Amino acid sequence: MDFIKKLKTKKDNEAKSISFEDRKQFIDKIRKLAEENLKRQTINNAVLEFESETDIPEEFMCPFTKSIMNDPVICEDGYTYEKSAVLELENPISPITKKLIDVNKLVPNRALKISIKKFIES
């Protein structure tokens, strides 16, 4: 049983039996998560800096995140959103049409993705 599961059981005898190796693995997992979080924050900060210094076409911006899209998808309502923003929501409602978005019918907007990439690289 791994360290987290042992902690969740709250049984004294199991908590006492947590091995040094389990504790080490737990700490390693925490460090890895912290490093990944720091990388995400660094990327997000770079994106925000780019967005604040650049006049970005509105069609490149996600209506959910108000940020430039990385993986644009066309939804059933005909509008384009950032894929991760749609998938993160339990019941995604279009901010434009106010209708439920069917996450099983997302279509990659490759043309927009290429346009955004060219815009960023220019």
Protein backbone atom coordinates (compact mmCIF):
# COMPACT_ATOMS: atom_id res chain seq x y z
CA MET A 1 0.00 0.00 0.00
CA ASP A 2 1.48 3.35 -0.92
CA PHE A 3 2.10 6.22 1.48
CA ILE A 4 -0.97 8.29 0.53
CA LYS A 5 -3.33 5.34 0.90
CA LYS A 6 -1.87 4.57 4.31
CA LEU A 7 -2.40 8.16 5.38
CA LYS A 8 -5.99 8.07 4.16
CA THR A 9 -6.77 4.92 6.16
CA LYS A 10 -6.00 6.76 9.41
CA LYS A 11 -5.19 3.51 11.15
CA ASP A 12 -2.40 3.97 13.65
CA ASN A 13 -0.83 0.60 13.06
CA GLU A 14 -0.68 1.13 9.28
CA ALA A 15 0.54 4.73 9.62
CA LYS A 16 3.38 3.52 11.82
CA SER A 17 4.31 0.90 9.23
CA ILE A 18 5.02 3.42 6.49
CA SER A 19 8.46 2.55 5.26
CA PHE A 20 11.30 4.93 4.61
CA GLU A 21 11.06 4.06 0.90
CA ASP A 22 7.32 4.91 0.83
CA ARG A 23 8.05 8.25 2.48
CA LYS A 24 10.87 8.93 0.00
CA GLN A 25 8.58 8.10 -2.97
CA PHE A 26 5.91 10.41 -1.56
CA ILE A 27 8.39 13.27 -1.21
CA ASP A 28 9.66 12.62 -4.75
CA LYS A 29 6.07 12.80 -6.07
CA ILE A 30 5.51 16.09 -4.24
CA ARG A 31 8.75 17.53 -5.68
CA LYS A 32 7.79 16.45 -9.19
CA LEU A 33 4.34 18.03 -8.85
CA ALA A 34 5.90 21.25 -7.56
CA GLU A 35 8.34 21.33 -10.49
CA GLU A 36 5.52 20.77 -13.00
CA ASN A 37 3.46 23.50 -11.35
CA LEU A 38 6.42 25.90 -11.55
CA LYS A 39 6.87 25.10 -15.26
CA ARG A 40 3.15 25.76 -15.89
CA GLN A 41 3.36 29.06 -14.00
CA THR A 42 6.42 30.09 -16.01
CA ILE A 43 4.67 29.28 -19.28
CA ASN A 44 1.49 31.06 -18.18
CA ASN A 45 3.51 34.14 -17.19
CA ALA A 46 5.24 34.16 -20.58
CA VAL A 47 1.89 33.90 -22.36
CA LEU A 48 0.41 36.71 -20.25
CA GLU A 49 3.44 38.91 -20.95
CA PHE A 50 3.19 38.21 -24.68
CA GLU A 51 -0.55 38.95 -24.64
CA SER A 52 -0.11 42.22 -22.75
CA GLU A 53 2.59 43.45 -25.13
CA THR A 54 0.88 42.41 -28.36
CA ASP A 55 -2.33 43.33 -30.12
CA ILE A 56 -3.78 39.86 -30.52
CA PRO A 57 -6.68 39.37 -32.93
CA GLU A 58 -9.86 38.67 -30.98
CA GLU A 59 -10.52 35.46 -32.91
CA PHE A 60 -7.31 34.02 -31.43
CA MET A 61 -8.64 34.48 -27.90
CA CYS A 62 -10.72 31.86 -26.09
CA PRO A 63 -14.09 33.17 -24.82
CA PHE A 64 -13.62 31.05 -21.67
CA THR A 65 -10.02 31.85 -20.71
CA LYS A 66 -9.66 35.25 -22.39
CA SER A 67 -6.20 34.02 -23.46
CA ILE A 68 -4.70 33.11 -26.79
CA MET A 69 -5.68 29.57 -27.76
CA ASN A 70 -3.15 26.76 -27.96
CA ASP A 71 -5.47 23.94 -29.08
CA PRO A 72 -8.58 25.53 -30.63
CA VAL A 73 -11.61 23.32 -31.22
CA ILE A 74 -14.89 24.03 -32.96
CA CYS A 75 -17.94 23.11 -30.90
CA GLU A 76 -21.42 22.16 -32.02
CA ASP A 77 -22.52 25.78 -31.60
CA GLY A 78 -20.09 26.77 -34.37
CA TYR A 79 -17.79 28.76 -32.08
CA THR A 80 -14.16 27.99 -31.29
CA TYR A 81 -12.79 27.54 -27.79
CA GLU A 82 -9.59 26.33 -26.13
CA LYS A 83 -9.94 22.55 -25.85
CA SER A 84 -8.56 22.29 -22.31
CA ALA A 85 -10.95 25.02 -21.10
CA VAL A 86 -13.96 23.10 -22.42
CA LEU A 87 -12.78 19.74 -21.07
CA GLU A 88 -12.01 21.11 -17.59
CA LEU A 89 -15.64 22.09 -17.01
CA GLU A 90 -18.09 19.50 -15.69
CA ASN A 91 -21.00 20.90 -17.72
CA PRO A 92 -19.50 23.37 -20.19
CA ILE A 93 -21.94 26.08 -21.21
CA SER A 94 -21.02 28.26 -24.18
CA PRO A 95 -20.41 31.83 -23.00
CA ILE A 96 -21.70 32.98 -26.40
CA THR A 97 -24.82 30.85 -27.04
CA LYS A 98 -25.49 29.85 -23.41
CA LYS A 99 -26.05 26.26 -24.58
CA LEU A 100 -24.45 23.07 -23.25
CA ILE A 101 -21.34 22.06 -25.19
CA ASP A 102 -21.13 18.39 -26.16
CA VAL A 103 -17.50 17.51 -25.44
CA ASN A 104 -17.82 14.38 -27.59
CA LYS A 105 -18.30 16.51 -30.71
CA LEU A 106 -15.23 18.77 -30.53
CA VAL A 107 -13.47 19.24 -33.87
CA PRO A 108 -9.89 20.54 -34.08
CA ASN A 109 -9.73 23.98 -35.71
CA ARG A 110 -6.48 23.34 -37.58
CA ALA A 111 -6.71 26.44 -39.76
CA LEU A 112 -6.98 28.69 -36.71
CA LYS A 113 -4.21 26.81 -34.92
CA ILE A 114 -1.89 27.38 -37.90
CA SER A 115 -2.86 31.08 -38.04
CA ILE A 116 -2.14 31.50 -34.33
CA LYS A 117 1.20 29.73 -34.67
CA LYS A 118 2.22 31.98 -37.59
CA PHE A 119 1.10 35.05 -35.64
CA ILE A 120 3.17 34.07 -32.61
CA GLU A 121 6.24 33.28 -34.70
CA SER A 122 6.09 36.58 -36.58
